[in-house]
Structures are given as structure tokens and as C-alpha cells.
PDB file of N, CA and C in Angstrom:
ATOM      1  N   UNK A   1     101.314  89.933  79.908  1.00  0.00           N
ATOM      2  CA  UNK A   1     101.408  90.361  81.346  1.00  0.00           C
ATOM      3  C   UNK A   1     100.322  91.512  81.376  1.00  0.00           C
ATOM      4  N   UNK A   2      99.188  91.880  81.880  1.00  0.00           N
ATOM      5  CA  UNK A   2      98.535  92.368  81.917  1.00  0.00           C
ATOM      6  C   UNK A   2      98.789  94.133  83.117  1.00  0.00           C
ATOM      7  N   UNK A   3      98.823  95.302  82.503  1.00  0.00           N
ATOM      8  CA  UNK A   3      99.157  96.445  83.521  1.00  0.00           C
ATOM      9  C   UNK A   3      97.763  96.466  84.492  1.00  0.00           C
ATOM     10  N   UNK A   4      98.529  96.902  85.810  1.00  0.00           N
ATOM     11  CA  UNK A   4      97.998  97.206  86.826  1.00  0.00           C
ATOM     12  C   UNK A   4      96.353  98.408  86.537  1.00  0.00           C
ATOM     13  N   UNK A   5      95.404  98.166  87.095  1.00  0.00           N
ATOM     14  CA  UNK A   5      94.293  99.319  86.569  1.00  0.00           C
ATOM     15  C   UNK A   5      94.573 100.282  87.263  1.00  0.00           C
ATOM     16  N   UNK A   6      94.048 101.434  87.105  1.00  0.00           N
ATOM     17  CA  UNK A   6      93.999 102.901  87.822  1.00  0.00           C
ATOM     18  C   UNK A   6      93.888 102.294  89.189  1.00  0.00           C
ATOM     19  N   UNK A   7      92.925 101.606  89.518  1.00  0.00           N
ATOM     20  CA  UNK A   7      92.198 101.214  91.071  1.00  0.00           C
ATOM     21  C   UNK A   7      93.544 100.410  91.493  1.00  0.00           C
ATOM     22  N   UNK A   8      94.373  99.736  91.191  1.00  0.00           N
ATOM     23  CA  UNK A   8      94.908  99.107  91.985  1.00  0.00           C
ATOM     24  C   UNK A   8      96.419 100.161  92.300  1.00  0.00           C
ATOM     25  N   UNK A   9      96.777 100.987  91.583  1.00  0.00           N
ATOM     26  CA  UNK A   9      97.925 102.094  91.626  1.00  0.00           C
ATOM     27  C   UNK A   9      97.691 102.932  92.383  1.00  0.00           C
ATOM     28  N   UNK A  10      96.009 103.242  92.431  1.00  0.00           N
ATOM     29  CA  UNK A  10      95.835 104.088  93.115  1.00  0.00           C
ATOM     30  C   UNK A  10      95.344 103.806  94.742  1.00  0.00           C
ATOM     31  N   UNK A  11      95.347 102.429  94.935  1.00  0.00           N
ATOM     32  CA  UNK A  11      95.159 101.747  96.220  1.00  0.00           C
ATOM     33  C   UNK A  11      96.683 101.546  96.627  1.00  0.00           C
ATOM     34  N   UNK A  12      97.692 101.621  95.920  1.00  0.00           N
ATOM     35  CA  UNK A  12      98.870 101.372  96.430  1.00  0.00           C
ATOM     36  C   UNK A  12      99.547 102.865  96.875  1.00  0.00           C
ATOM     37  N   UNK A  13      99.183 103.413  95.791  1.00  0.00           N
ATOM     38  CA  UNK A  13      99.812 105.033  96.090  1.00  0.00           C
ATOM     39  C   UNK A  13      98.946 105.544  97.721  1.00  0.00           C
ATOM     40  N   UNK A  14      97.846 105.075  98.038  1.00  0.00           N
ATOM     41  CA  UNK A  14      96.936 105.462  98.967  1.00  0.00           C
ATOM     42  C   UNK A  14      97.665 104.604 100.260  1.00  0.00           C
ATOM     43  N   UNK A  15      98.161 103.158 100.016  1.00  0.00           N
ATOM     44  CA  UNK A  15      98.919 102.779 101.231  1.00  0.00           C
ATOM     45  C   UNK A  15     100.323 103.071 101.483  1.00  0.00           C
ATOM     46  N   UNK A  16     100.715 103.655 100.628  1.00  0.00           N
ATOM     47  CA  UNK A  16     102.152 103.867 100.695  1.00  0.00           C
ATOM     48  C   UNK A  16     101.873 105.582 101.200  1.00  0.00           C
ATOM     49  N   UNK A  17     100.846 106.083 100.684  1.00  0.00           N
ATOM     50  CA  UNK A  17     100.817 107.420 101.686  1.00  0.00           C
ATOM     51  C   UNK A  17     100.527 107.634 103.235  1.00  0.00           C
ATOM     52  N   UNK A  18      99.511 106.381 103.385  1.00  0.00           N
ATOM     53  CA  UNK A  18      99.472 105.961 104.779  1.00  0.00           C
ATOM     54  C   UNK A  18     100.430 105.840 105.503  1.00  0.00           C
ATOM     55  N   UNK A  19     101.078 104.676 104.798  1.00  0.00           N
ATOM     56  CA  UNK A  19     102.502 104.202 105.408  1.00  0.00           C
ATOM     57  C   UNK A  19     103.561 105.201 106.026  1.00  0.00           C
ATOM     58  N   UNK A  20     103.189 106.111 104.838  1.00  0.00           N
ATOM     59  CA  UNK A  20     104.485 107.055 105.054  1.00  0.00           C
ATOM     60  C   UNK A  20     104.360 108.246 106.192  1.00  0.00           C
ATOM     61  N   UNK A  21     102.619 108.496 106.227  1.00  0.00           N
ATOM     62  CA  UNK A  21     101.985 109.305 107.697  1.00  0.00           C
ATOM     63  C   UNK A  21     102.544 108.984 108.895  1.00  0.00           C
ATOM     64  N   UNK A  22     102.114 107.296 108.717  1.00  0.00           N
ATOM     65  CA  UNK A  22     102.142 106.503 110.187  1.00  0.00           C
ATOM     66  C   UNK A  22     103.632 106.516 110.320  1.00  0.00           C
ATOM     67  N   UNK A  23     104.536 106.743 109.316  1.00  0.00           N
ATOM     68  CA  UNK A  23     105.862 106.805 110.185  1.00  0.00           C
ATOM     69  C   UNK A  23     106.637 108.187 110.650  1.00  0.00           C
ATOM     70  N   UNK A  24     106.036 109.201 109.970  1.00  0.00           N
ATOM     71  CA  UNK A  24     106.205 110.528 110.583  1.00  0.00           C
ATOM     72  C   UNK A  24     105.411 110.766 111.966  1.00  0.00           C
ATOM     73  N   UNK A  25     104.151 110.368 112.300  1.00  0.00           N
ATOM     74  CA  UNK A  25     103.381 110.486 113.191  1.00  0.00           C
ATOM     75  C   UNK A  25     104.046 109.565 114.360  1.00  0.00           C
ATOM     76  N   UNK A  26     104.393 108.264 114.160  1.00  0.00           N
ATOM     77  CA  UNK A  26     105.499 107.351 114.773  1.00  0.00           C
ATOM     78  C   UNK A  26     106.684 108.179 115.073  1.00  0.00           C
ATOM     79  N   UNK A  27     107.361 108.656 114.272  1.00  0.00           N
ATOM     80  CA  UNK A  27     108.746 109.663 114.486  1.00  0.00           C
ATOM     81  C   UNK A  27     108.416 110.779 115.736  1.00  0.00           C
ATOM     82  N   UNK A  28     107.241 111.668 115.333  1.00  0.00           N
ATOM     83  CA  UNK A  28     106.916 112.671 116.307  1.00  0.00           C
ATOM     84  C   UNK A  28     106.263 112.055 117.845  1.00  0.00           C
ATOM     85  N   UNK A  29     105.965 111.029 117.858  1.00  0.00           N
ATOM     86  CA  UNK A  29     105.559 110.595 119.273  1.00  0.00           C
ATOM     87  C   UNK A  29     106.631 110.089 119.518  1.00  0.00           C
ATOM     88  N   UNK A  30     107.282 109.168 119.143  1.00  0.00           N
ATOM     89  CA  UNK A  30     108.664 108.817 119.691  1.00  0.00           C
ATOM     90  C   UNK A  30     109.724 110.232 120.228  1.00  0.00           C
ATOM     91  N   UNK A  31     109.841 111.144 119.644  1.00  0.00           N
ATOM     92  CA  UNK A  31     111.102 112.229 119.898  1.00  0.00           C
ATOM     93  C   UNK A  31     110.157 112.670 121.160  1.00  0.00           C
ATOM     94  N   UNK A  32     108.814 112.921 121.029  1.00  0.00           N
ATOM     95  CA  UNK A  32     108.283 113.370 122.520  1.00  0.00           C
ATOM     96  C   UNK A  32     108.316 112.925 123.462  1.00  0.00           C
ATOM     97  N   UNK A  33     107.872 111.619 123.267  1.00  0.00           N
ATOM     98  CA  UNK A  33     108.439 110.520 124.645  1.00  0.00           C
ATOM     99  C   UNK A  33     109.551 110.847 124.669  1.00  0.00           C
ATOM    100  N   UNK A  34     110.469 110.547 124.420  1.00  0.00           N
ATOM    101  CA  UNK A  34     112.127 110.662 124.645  1.00  0.00           C
ATOM    102  C   UNK A  34     112.540 112.363 125.044  1.00  0.00           C
ATOM    103  N   UNK A  35     111.420 113.257 125.088  1.00  0.00           N
ATOM    104  CA  UNK A  35     111.834 114.185 124.995  1.00  0.00           C
ATOM    105  C   UNK A  35     110.830 114.436 126.479  1.00  0.00           C
ATOM    106  N   UNK A  36     109.655 114.041 126.860  1.00  0.00           N
ATOM    107  CA  UNK A  36     109.142 114.043 128.222  1.00  0.00           C
ATOM    108  C   UNK A  36     109.640 113.302 129.132  1.00  0.00           C
ATOM    109  N   UNK A  37     110.354 112.351 128.908  1.00  0.00           N
ATOM    110  CA  UNK A  37     110.975 111.238 129.948  1.00  0.00           C
ATOM    111  C   UNK A  37     112.405 112.058 130.063  1.00  0.00           C
ATOM    112  N   UNK A  38     113.271 112.491 129.658  1.00  0.00           N
ATOM    113  CA  UNK A  38     114.136 113.440 129.842  1.00  0.00           C
ATOM    114  C   UNK A  38     113.638 114.549 130.361  1.00  0.00           C
ATOM    115  N   UNK A  39     112.749 115.142 130.219  1.00  0.00           N
ATOM    116  CA  UNK A  39     112.244 116.428 130.858  1.00  0.00           C
ATOM    117  C   UNK A  39     111.641 116.277 132.083  1.00  0.00           C
ATOM    118  N   UNK A  40     110.918 115.241 132.440  1.00  0.00           N
ATOM    119  CA  UNK A  40     110.096 114.910 133.727  1.00  0.00           C
ATOM    120  C   UNK A  40     111.776 113.998 134.668  1.00  0.00           C
ATOM    121  N   UNK A  41     112.700 113.404 133.970  1.00  0.00           N
ATOM    122  CA  UNK A  41     113.492 113.023 134.609  1.00  0.00           C
ATOM    123  C   UNK A  41     114.539 114.009 135.455  1.00  0.00           C
ATOM    124  N   UNK A  42     114.851 114.854 134.402  1.00  0.00           N
ATOM    125  CA  UNK A  42     115.674 116.276 134.936  1.00  0.00           C
ATOM    126  C   UNK A  42     114.632 117.236 135.658  1.00  0.00           C
ATOM    127  N   UNK A  43     113.994 117.551 135.694  1.00  0.00           N
ATOM    128  CA  UNK A  43     113.013 118.586 136.706  1.00  0.00           C
ATOM    129  C   UNK A  43     111.963 118.148 137.329  1.00  0.00           C
ATOM    130  N   UNK A  44     111.691 116.907 137.354  1.00  0.00           N
ATOM    131  CA  UNK A  44     111.097 116.485 138.317  1.00  0.00           C
ATOM    132  C   UNK A  44     111.387 115.432 138.980  1.00  0.00           C
ATOM    133  N   UNK A  45     113.323 114.944 138.785  1.00  0.00           N
ATOM    134  CA  UNK A  45     114.041 114.314 139.543  1.00  0.00           C
ATOM    135  C   UNK A  45     113.088 112.710 139.774  1.00  0.00           C
ATOM    136  N   UNK A  46     112.510 112.346 138.532  1.00  0.00           N
ATOM    137  CA  UNK A  46     112.187 111.315 138.650  1.00  0.00           C
ATOM    138  C   UNK A  46     112.907 109.835 138.696  1.00  0.00           C
ATOM    139  N   UNK A  47     112.768 108.951 138.967  1.00  0.00           N
ATOM    140  CA  UNK A  47     113.623 107.488 138.067  1.00  0.00           C
ATOM    141  C   UNK A  47     112.951 107.762 136.517  1.00  0.00           C
ATOM    142  N   UNK A  48     113.879 106.883 135.974  1.00  0.00           N
ATOM    143  CA  UNK A  48     113.661 106.902 134.076  1.00  0.00           C
ATOM    144  C   UNK A  48     112.250 105.962 134.030  1.00  0.00           C
ATOM    145  N   UNK A  49     111.836 105.312 134.902  1.00  0.00           N
ATOM    146  CA  UNK A  49     110.909 104.591 134.435  1.00  0.00           C
ATOM    147  C   UNK A  49     109.387 104.938 134.753  1.00  0.00           C
ATOM    148  N   UNK A  50     109.723 106.249 135.549  1.00  0.00           N
ATOM    149  CA  UNK A  50     108.622 107.117 136.295  1.00  0.00           C
ATOM    150  C   UNK A  50     108.407 108.003 135.275  1.00  0.00           C
ATOM    151  N   UNK A  51     109.834 108.464 135.376  1.00  0.00           N
ATOM    152  CA  UNK A  51     109.923 109.733 133.605  1.00  0.00           C
ATOM    153  C   UNK A  51     108.921 109.092 132.674  1.00  0.00           C
ATOM    154  N   UNK A  52     109.293 107.878 132.160  1.00  0.00           N
ATOM    155  CA  UNK A  52     108.913 107.545 130.973  1.00  0.00           C
ATOM    156  C   UNK A  52     107.122 106.951 131.188  1.00  0.00           C
ATOM    157  N   UNK A  53     106.680 106.526 132.239  1.00  0.00           N
ATOM    158  CA  UNK A  53     105.120 106.594 132.672  1.00  0.00           C
ATOM    159  C   UNK A  53     104.536 107.965 132.279  1.00  0.00           C
ATOM    160  N   UNK A  54     105.002 108.684 132.943  1.00  0.00           N
ATOM    161  CA  UNK A  54     104.667 110.199 133.074  1.00  0.00           C
ATOM    162  C   UNK A  54     104.628 110.513 131.647  1.00  0.00           C
ATOM    163  N   UNK A  55     105.307 110.761 131.175  1.00  0.00           N
ATOM    164  CA  UNK A  55     105.443 111.173 129.689  1.00  0.00           C
ATOM    165  C   UNK A  55     104.316 110.258 128.465  1.00  0.00           C
ATOM    166  N   UNK A  56     104.565 108.994 128.745  1.00  0.00           N
ATOM    167  CA  UNK A  56     103.657 108.419 128.247  1.00  0.00           C
ATOM    168  C   UNK A  56     102.090 108.485 128.420  1.00  0.00           C
ATOM    169  N   UNK A  57     101.768 108.431 130.000  1.00  0.00           N
ATOM    170  CA  UNK A  57     100.306 108.917 130.382  1.00  0.00           C
ATOM    171  C   UNK A  57      99.794 110.354 129.646  1.00  0.00           C
ATOM    172  N   UNK A  58     100.956 111.477 129.883  1.00  0.00           N
ATOM    173  CA  UNK A  58     100.332 112.616 129.296  1.00  0.00           C
ATOM    174  C   UNK A  58     100.318 112.712 127.649  1.00  0.00           C
ATOM    175  N   UNK A  59     101.197 111.852 127.166  1.00  0.00           N
ATOM    176  CA  UNK A  59     101.071 111.845 125.499  1.00  0.00           C
ATOM    177  C   UNK A  59      99.788 110.954 124.998  1.00  0.00           C
ATOM    178  N   UNK A  60      99.386 110.137 126.226  1.00  0.00           N
ATOM    179  CA  UNK A  60      98.249 109.484 125.705  1.00  0.00           C
ATOM    180  C   UNK A  60      96.866 109.892 126.375  1.00  0.00           C
ATOM    181  N   UNK A  61      96.941 111.232 126.715  1.00  0.00           N
ATOM    182  CA  UNK A  61      95.761 111.630 127.275  1.00  0.00           C
ATOM    183  C   UNK A  61      95.165 111.487 128.844  1.00  0.00           C
ATOM    184  N   UNK A  62      96.179 110.589 129.106  1.00  0.00           N
ATOM    185  CA  UNK A  62      95.282 110.395 130.753  1.00  0.00           C
ATOM    186  C   UNK A  62      95.570 111.338 131.853  1.00  0.00           C
ATOM    187  N   UNK A  63      96.715 111.835 131.674  1.00  0.00           N
ATOM    188  CA  UNK A  63      97.610 112.630 132.693  1.00  0.00           C
ATOM    189  C   UNK A  63      98.452 112.060 133.840  1.00  0.00           C
ATOM    190  N   UNK A  64      99.246 112.740 134.362  1.00  0.00           N
ATOM    191  CA  UNK A  64     100.251 112.173 135.060  1.00  0.00           C
ATOM    192  C   UNK A  64     100.070 111.642 136.079  1.00  0.00           C
ATOM    193  N   UNK A  65     101.260 110.299 136.621  1.00  0.00           N
ATOM    194  CA  UNK A  65     100.739 109.372 137.650  1.00  0.00           C
ATOM    195  C   UNK A  65     101.579 109.745 138.996  1.00  0.00           C
ATOM    196  N   UNK A  66     101.543 109.989 140.082  1.00  0.00           N
ATOM    197  CA  UNK A  66     102.297 109.977 141.020  1.00  0.00           C
ATOM    198  C   UNK A  66     102.428 111.187 141.203  1.00  0.00           C
ATOM    199  N   UNK A  67     103.679 111.533 142.234  1.00  0.00           N
ATOM    200  CA  UNK A  67     104.156 112.786 142.568  1.00  0.00           C
ATOM    201  C   UNK A  67     105.097 113.462 141.363  1.00  0.00           C
ATOM    202  N   UNK A  68     104.901 114.549 141.016  1.00  0.00           N
ATOM    203  CA  UNK A  68     105.477 115.286 139.884  1.00  0.00           C
ATOM    204  C   UNK A  68     106.970 116.170 140.542  1.00  0.00           C
ATOM    205  N   UNK A  69     107.361 115.929 141.928  1.00  0.00           N
ATOM    206  CA  UNK A  69     108.250 116.205 142.061  1.00  0.00           C
ATOM    207  C   UNK A  69     108.345 117.896 142.893  1.00  0.00           C
ATOM    208  N   UNK A  70     109.555 118.581 142.771  1.00  0.00           N
ATOM    209  CA  UNK A  70     109.178 120.041 143.013  1.00  0.00           C
ATOM    210  C   UNK A  70     108.919 120.582 141.908  1.00  0.00           C
ATOM    211  N   UNK A  71     108.369 122.229 142.058  1.00  0.00           N
ATOM    212  CA  UNK A  71     107.868 123.095 141.473  1.00  0.00           C
ATOM    213  C   UNK A  71     108.136 123.168 139.964  1.00  0.00           C
ATOM    214  N   UNK A  72     109.560 122.688 140.006  1.00  0.00           N
ATOM    215  CA  UNK A  72     110.124 122.569 138.709  1.00  0.00           C
ATOM    216  C   UNK A  72     109.476 121.430 137.880  1.00  0.00           C
ATOM    217  N   UNK A  73     109.085 120.304 138.048  1.00  0.00           N
ATOM    218  CA  UNK A  73     108.630 119.377 137.754  1.00  0.00           C
ATOM    219  C   UNK A  73     107.141 119.335 137.447  1.00  0.00           C
ATOM    220  N   UNK A  74     106.273 120.357 138.170  1.00  0.00           N
ATOM    221  CA  UNK A  74     105.305 120.732 137.946  1.00  0.00           C
ATOM    222  C   UNK A  74     105.094 121.369 136.737  1.00  0.00           C
ATOM    223  N   UNK A  75     105.897 122.843 136.748  1.00  0.00           N
ATOM    224  CA  UNK A  75     105.773 123.189 135.659  1.00  0.00           C
ATOM    225  C   UNK A  75     106.391 122.466 134.316  1.00  0.00           C
ATOM    226  N   UNK A  76     106.925 121.854 134.347  1.00  0.00           N
ATOM    227  CA  UNK A  76     107.274 120.950 133.233  1.00  0.00           C
ATOM    228  C   UNK A  76     106.295 120.091 133.011  1.00  0.00           C
ATOM    229  N   UNK A  77     105.449 119.265 134.013  1.00  0.00           N
ATOM    230  CA  UNK A  77     103.903 118.771 133.548  1.00  0.00           C
ATOM    231  C   UNK A  77     103.219 119.669 132.666  1.00  0.00           C
ATOM    232  N   UNK A  78     103.285 120.872 133.545  1.00  0.00           N
ATOM    233  CA  UNK A  78     102.089 121.798 132.755  1.00  0.00           C
ATOM    234  C   UNK A  78     102.278 122.176 131.364  1.00  0.00           C
ATOM    235  N   UNK A  79     103.494 122.302 131.315  1.00  0.00           N
ATOM    236  CA  UNK A  79     104.074 122.679 129.859  1.00  0.00           C
ATOM    237  C   UNK A  79     103.697 121.577 128.821  1.00  0.00           C
ATOM    238  N   UNK A  80     104.362 120.352 129.252  1.00  0.00           N
ATOM    239  CA  UNK A  80     104.206 118.871 128.502  1.00  0.00           C
ATOM    240  C   UNK A  80     102.945 118.673 128.101  1.00  0.00           C
ATOM    241  N   UNK A  81     101.904 118.764 129.046  1.00  0.00           N
ATOM    242  CA  UNK A  81     100.655 118.466 129.327  1.00  0.00           C
ATOM    243  C   UNK A  81      99.817 119.362 127.584  1.00  0.00           C
ATOM    244  N   UNK A  82     100.613 120.631 127.717  1.00  0.00           N
ATOM    245  CA  UNK A  82      99.564 121.095 126.917  1.00  0.00           C
ATOM    246  C   UNK A  82     100.621 121.012 125.372  1.00  0.00           C
ATOM    247  N   UNK A  83     101.706 120.747 125.601  1.00  0.00           N
ATOM    248  CA  UNK A  83     102.685 120.191 124.592  1.00  0.00           C
ATOM    249  C   UNK A  83     101.549 118.742 123.635  1.00  0.00           C
ATOM    250  N   UNK A  84     101.888 117.741 124.611  1.00  0.00           N
ATOM    251  CA  UNK A  84     101.018 116.946 124.249  1.00  0.00           C
ATOM    252  C   UNK A  84      99.581 116.756 123.640  1.00  0.00           C
ATOM    253  N   UNK A  85      98.804 117.475 124.153  1.00  0.00           N
ATOM    254  CA  UNK A  85      97.625 118.302 123.336  1.00  0.00           C
ATOM    255  C   UNK A  85      97.516 118.152 122.104  1.00  0.00           C
ATOM    256  N   UNK A  86      98.816 119.211 121.663  1.00  0.00           N
ATOM    257  CA  UNK A  86      99.097 119.582 120.338  1.00  0.00           C
ATOM    258  C   UNK A  86      99.165 118.236 119.474  1.00  0.00           C
ATOM    259  N   UNK A  87     100.263 117.282 120.002  1.00  0.00           N
ATOM    260  CA  UNK A  87     101.344 116.530 119.328  1.00  0.00           C
ATOM    261  C   UNK A  87      99.934 115.232 118.851  1.00  0.00           C
ATOM    262  N   UNK A  88      99.077 115.490 120.185  1.00  0.00           N
ATOM    263  CA  UNK A  88      97.656 114.390 119.860  1.00  0.00           C
ATOM    264  C   UNK A  88      97.033 114.802 118.598  1.00  0.00           C
ATOM    265  N   UNK A  89      96.467 116.180 118.163  1.00  0.00           N
ATOM    266  CA  UNK A  89      95.681 116.781 117.075  1.00  0.00           C
ATOM    267  C   UNK A  89      96.894 116.422 115.558  1.00  0.00           C
ATOM    268  N   UNK A  90      97.888 116.745 116.286  1.00  0.00           N
ATOM    269  CA  UNK A  90      99.111 116.763 114.721  1.00  0.00           C
ATOM    270  C   UNK A  90      98.856 115.444 114.422  1.00  0.00           C
ATOM    271  N   UNK A  91      99.181 114.081 115.280  1.00  0.00           N
ATOM    272  CA  UNK A  91      98.928 112.905 115.015  1.00  0.00           C
ATOM    273  C   UNK A  91      97.677 112.502 114.188  1.00  0.00           C
ATOM    274  N   UNK A  92      96.314 112.874 115.143  1.00  0.00           N
ATOM    275  CA  UNK A  92      95.117 112.530 114.429  1.00  0.00           C
ATOM    276  C   UNK A  92      95.323 113.227 113.217  1.00  0.00           C
ATOM    277  N   UNK A  93      95.496 114.389 112.754  1.00  0.00           N
ATOM    278  CA  UNK A  93      95.821 115.214 111.183  1.00  0.00           C
ATOM    279  C   UNK A  93      96.630 114.064 110.275  1.00  0.00           C
ATOM    280  N   UNK A  94      97.826 114.112 110.982  1.00  0.00           N
ATOM    281  CA  UNK A  94      98.507 113.087 109.773  1.00  0.00           C
ATOM    282  C   UNK A  94      97.877 111.765 109.467  1.00  0.00           C
ATOM    283  N   UNK A  95      97.445 111.056 110.256  1.00  0.00           N
ATOM    284  CA  UNK A  95      96.699 109.835 109.949  1.00  0.00           C
ATOM    285  C   UNK A  95      95.165 109.566 109.001  1.00  0.00           C
ATOM    286  N   UNK A  96      94.577 110.915 109.253  1.00  0.00           N
ATOM    287  CA  UNK A  96      93.373 111.194 108.416  1.00  0.00           C
ATOM    288  C   UNK A  96      93.800 111.481 107.124  1.00  0.00           C
ATOM    289  N   UNK A  97      94.866 112.485 107.048  1.00  0.00           N
ATOM    290  CA  UNK A  97      95.115 112.980 105.950  1.00  0.00           C
ATOM    291  C   UNK A  97      94.952 112.171 104.557  1.00  0.00           C
ATOM    292  N   UNK A  98      95.667 111.295 104.822  1.00  0.00           N
ATOM    293  CA  UNK A  98      95.246 110.219 103.622  1.00  0.00           C
ATOM    294  C   UNK A  98      93.686 110.028 103.224  1.00  0.00           C
ATOM    295  N   UNK A  99      93.402 109.433 104.597  1.00  0.00           N
ATOM    296  CA  UNK A  99      92.078 108.995 104.095  1.00  0.00           C
ATOM    297  C   UNK A  99      90.982 110.254 103.731  1.00  0.00           C
ATOM    298  N   UNK A 100      91.087 110.777 104.085  1.00  0.00           N
ATOM    299  CA  UNK A 100      90.360 112.294 103.612  1.00  0.00           C
ATOM    300  C   UNK A 100      90.713 112.798 102.299  1.00  0.00           C
ATOM    301  N   UNK A 101      91.986 112.577 101.677  1.00  0.00           N
ATOM    302  CA  UNK A 101      92.134 112.821 100.583  1.00  0.00           C
ATOM    303  C   UNK A 101      91.848 112.009  99.801  1.00  0.00           C
ATOM    304  N   UNK A 102      91.781 110.609 100.005  1.00  0.00           N
ATOM    305  CA  UNK A 102      90.902 109.537  99.442  1.00  0.00           C
ATOM    306  C   UNK A 102      89.449 109.771  98.716  1.00  0.00           C
ATOM    307  N   UNK A 103      88.691 110.177 100.422  1.00  0.00           N
ATOM    308  CA  UNK A 103      87.534 110.180 100.034  1.00  0.00           C
ATOM    309  C   UNK A 103      87.153 111.186  98.803  1.00  0.00           C
ATOM    310  N   UNK A 104      87.996 112.620  99.066  1.00  0.00           N
ATOM    311  CA  UNK A 104      87.542 113.842  98.004  1.00  0.00           C
ATOM    312  C   UNK A 104      88.078 112.924  96.828  1.00  0.00           C
ATOM    313  N   UNK A 105      89.028 112.744  96.295  1.00  0.00           N
ATOM    314  CA  UNK A 105      89.130 111.894  95.015  1.00  0.00           C
ATOM    315  C   UNK A 105      88.413 110.466  94.612  1.00  0.00           C
ATOM    316  N   UNK A 106      87.806 110.124  95.667  1.00  0.00           N
ATOM    317  CA  UNK A 106      86.342 109.163  95.271  1.00  0.00           C
ATOM    318  C   UNK A 106      85.353 110.217  94.779  1.00  0.00           C
ATOM    319  N   UNK A 107      85.144 110.835  95.089  1.00  0.00           N
ATOM    320  CA  UNK A 107      83.679 111.325  94.750  1.00  0.00           C
ATOM    321  C   UNK A 107      84.315 113.130  94.060  1.00  0.00           C
ATOM    322  N   UNK A 108      85.538 112.951  93.425  1.00  0.00           N
ATOM    323  CA  UNK A 108      85.828 113.682  92.476  1.00  0.00           C
ATOM    324  C   UNK A 108      85.360 115.382  92.707  1.00  0.00           C
ATOM    325  N   UNK A 109      85.840 115.295  94.187  1.00  0.00           N
ATOM    326  CA  UNK A 109      85.498 116.706  94.901  1.00  0.00           C
ATOM    327  C   UNK A 109      87.179 117.872  94.137  1.00  0.00           C
ATOM    328  N   UNK A 110      87.132 118.428  93.774  1.00  0.00           N
ATOM    329  CA  UNK A 110      88.139 119.490  92.764  1.00  0.00           C
ATOM    330  C   UNK A 110      87.550 120.517  93.055  1.00  0.00           C
ATOM    331  N   UNK A 111      89.034 121.591  92.744  1.00  0.00           N
ATOM    332  CA  UNK A 111      88.812 123.114  93.089  1.00  0.00           C
ATOM    333  C   UNK A 111      88.009 123.792  91.957  1.00  0.00           C
ATOM    334  N   UNK A 112      87.738 125.176  91.995  1.00  0.00           N
ATOM    335  CA  UNK A 112      86.795 125.675  91.007  1.00  0.00           C
ATOM    336  C   UNK A 112      88.137 126.357  90.372  1.00  0.00           C
ATOM    337  N   UNK A 113      87.845 125.819  89.030  1.00  0.00           N
ATOM    338  CA  UNK A 113      89.214 126.431  87.768  1.00  0.00           C
ATOM    339  C   UNK A 113      88.826 127.493  87.094  1.00  0.00           C
ATOM    340  N   UNK A 114      89.547 128.222  86.888  1.00  0.00           N
ATOM    341  CA  UNK A 114      89.446 130.012  86.302  1.00  0.00           C
ATOM    342  C   UNK A 114      88.745 129.445  85.047  1.00  0.00           C
ATOM    343  N   UNK A 115      88.158 130.356  84.982  1.00  0.00           N
ATOM    344  CA  UNK A 115      86.879 130.588  83.815  1.00  0.00           C
ATOM    345  C   UNK A 115      87.902 131.593  82.573  1.00  0.00           C
TER     346      UNK A 115
END
């Protein structure tokens, strides 16, 4: 049986790395969604479904839905919206990193070596 070539091994590593990064991104989004739901429920005095909806909408970049409740709910929504923007950037970075790394390797872009 013939050994897989370097390209097959490289493809396997790429997909494995992309999958790992995808799992980290999903974990970050899941934890953020849970924290946002708890926050909207506790600070905004919202029902669980409404709290989940608001957390998901903010994480998705759409904005909150409906009344945010008392001042504590509005302050939580303010902080969570800023946090959600950072989560969006982190998730995008996590998912783009393996692709960017593969492009750099494809064109053999390397750092300068000491002479």
C-alpha cells in the first residue's frame, strides 16, 4: 500500500485544524449565549425564551428585541452588546486563521531568517 503524499497529509491537518477552531468558536458562542440568557433573565427580568432571543440577537449583530426591562436590564444589554461585538471578531478570527495559514503555506511565505 502506498503512503499518502504530502498534500493529503496537509489537507488532513488543515481540516483537523479548521474543525478544532470551529469547536472553540462554537464553545465561545455557546458560553456567551448562556451568559447572555442568564443576564437578561436576571437583570432584565425577562422570561427565559425572551432572554435567549435577546442574547442570540445581540450575538448575531441584530440588536435586542422588545422591552429590555428596568435600568439594570438596559445596562446589561449595553455591556453585552459591546461584548457580543468582540465575540464576533474573535469567532471570525478563529475561523479564518486556518485558511489564512494555509494560503501563506501555499505561497511559501516565511519569516526572514537570521543570516
